[in-house]
Amino acid sequence: MLDSLKGRKRLIRLWFDQERSCSICQQMITKSSGWRLYHMDRTIDGGKDTIGNLAMLHWDCHRIERALGLSGACPKKRR
């Protein structure tokens, strides 16, 4: 996503929609903290690659979310 202007705009929009914080730990997401995109409904299971299905999480929060399968821990973003 970072390679194209459209991708950057999506990331920035997602970041602002989440109030610049991780949905799991509620800590701020910064360039130095790093992030991963999390699909709330996995694409392999039919989930879309749209902003409504994505969440920006810290690396460790993403790993924990996937490992424990906490499907409800990552809430849908507010509009």
Protein backbone atom coordinates (compact mmCIF):
# COMPACT_ATOMS: atom_id res chain seq x y z
CA MET A 1 0.00 0.00 0.00
CA LEU A 2 2.84 2.39 0.69
CA ASP A 3 4.08 2.10 -2.91
CA SER A 4 1.20 3.98 -4.51
CA LEU A 5 -0.52 7.28 -3.82
CA LYS A 6 -3.90 5.51 -3.61
CA GLY A 7 -2.47 3.06 -1.07
CA ARG A 8 -1.03 5.85 1.05
CA LYS A 9 -4.37 7.65 1.08
CA ARG A 10 -6.10 4.45 2.25
CA LEU A 11 -3.57 4.00 5.06
CA ILE A 12 -3.90 7.60 6.21
CA ARG A 13 -7.70 7.39 6.13
CA LEU A 14 -7.65 4.15 8.09
CA TRP A 15 -5.20 5.65 10.61
CA PHE A 16 -7.43 8.70 11.17
CA ASP A 17 -10.62 6.57 11.32
CA GLN A 18 -9.03 4.67 14.22
CA GLU A 19 -8.05 7.93 15.90
CA ARG A 20 -4.36 7.06 15.27
CA SER A 21 -4.43 4.24 17.81
CA CYS A 22 -4.32 0.44 17.82
CA SER A 23 -7.72 -1.24 18.21
CA ILE A 24 -6.29 -3.82 20.61
CA CYS A 25 -3.99 -1.99 23.03
CA GLN A 26 -5.35 1.55 22.45
CA GLN A 27 -1.77 2.91 22.20
CA MET A 28 -0.82 5.38 19.47
CA ILE A 29 0.37 3.97 16.14
CA THR A 30 3.42 5.85 14.92
CA LYS A 31 6.01 5.34 12.23
CA SER A 32 8.48 4.15 14.87
CA SER A 33 6.03 1.73 16.52
CA GLY A 34 5.17 0.12 13.19
CA TRP A 35 1.89 -1.49 12.17
CA ARG A 36 0.26 -4.35 10.31
CA LEU A 37 -3.04 -4.42 8.52
CA TYR A 38 -5.54 -6.84 10.01
CA HIS A 39 -8.48 -8.18 8.00
CA MET A 40 -11.39 -8.61 10.43
CA ASP A 41 -13.01 -11.06 8.02
CA ARG A 42 -10.07 -12.93 6.48
CA THR A 43 -9.80 -12.65 2.69
CA ILE A 44 -9.27 -16.41 2.48
CA ASP A 45 -12.71 -16.79 4.09
CA GLY A 46 -14.37 -14.36 1.69
CA GLY A 47 -13.61 -11.06 3.43
CA LYS A 48 -13.10 -7.97 1.28
CA ASP A 49 -9.93 -5.89 1.04
CA THR A 50 -11.79 -2.68 1.84
CA ILE A 51 -11.31 -0.08 4.56
CA GLY A 52 -14.44 -1.33 6.32
CA ASN A 53 -12.78 -4.74 6.79
CA LEU A 54 -9.31 -3.49 7.78
CA ALA A 55 -7.79 -2.45 11.07
CA MET A 56 -4.33 -1.08 11.72
CA LEU A 57 -2.61 -2.90 14.59
CA HIS A 58 0.85 -2.93 16.14
CA TRP A 59 3.01 -5.88 15.08
CA ASP A 60 2.67 -7.65 18.43
CA CYS A 61 -1.06 -6.96 18.70
CA HIS A 62 -1.56 -8.40 15.20
CA ARG A 63 0.41 -11.52 16.11
CA ILE A 64 -1.55 -12.01 19.34
CA GLU A 65 -4.87 -11.41 17.56
CA ARG A 66 -4.08 -14.07 14.95
CA ALA A 67 -2.56 -16.59 17.38
CA LEU A 68 -5.40 -16.46 19.88
CA GLY A 69 -8.15 -16.04 17.31
CA LEU A 70 -9.77 -13.18 19.19
CA SER A 71 -12.27 -12.44 16.45
CA GLY A 72 -14.29 -10.06 18.63
CA ALA A 73 -11.32 -8.23 20.12
CA CYS A 74 -10.80 -6.08 17.06
CA PRO A 75 -13.98 -4.01 16.82
CA LYS A 76 -15.41 -2.66 13.59
CA LYS A 77 -14.44 0.94 13.09
CA ARG A 78 -16.90 3.70 13.82
CA ARG A 79 -18.00 5.89 10.93
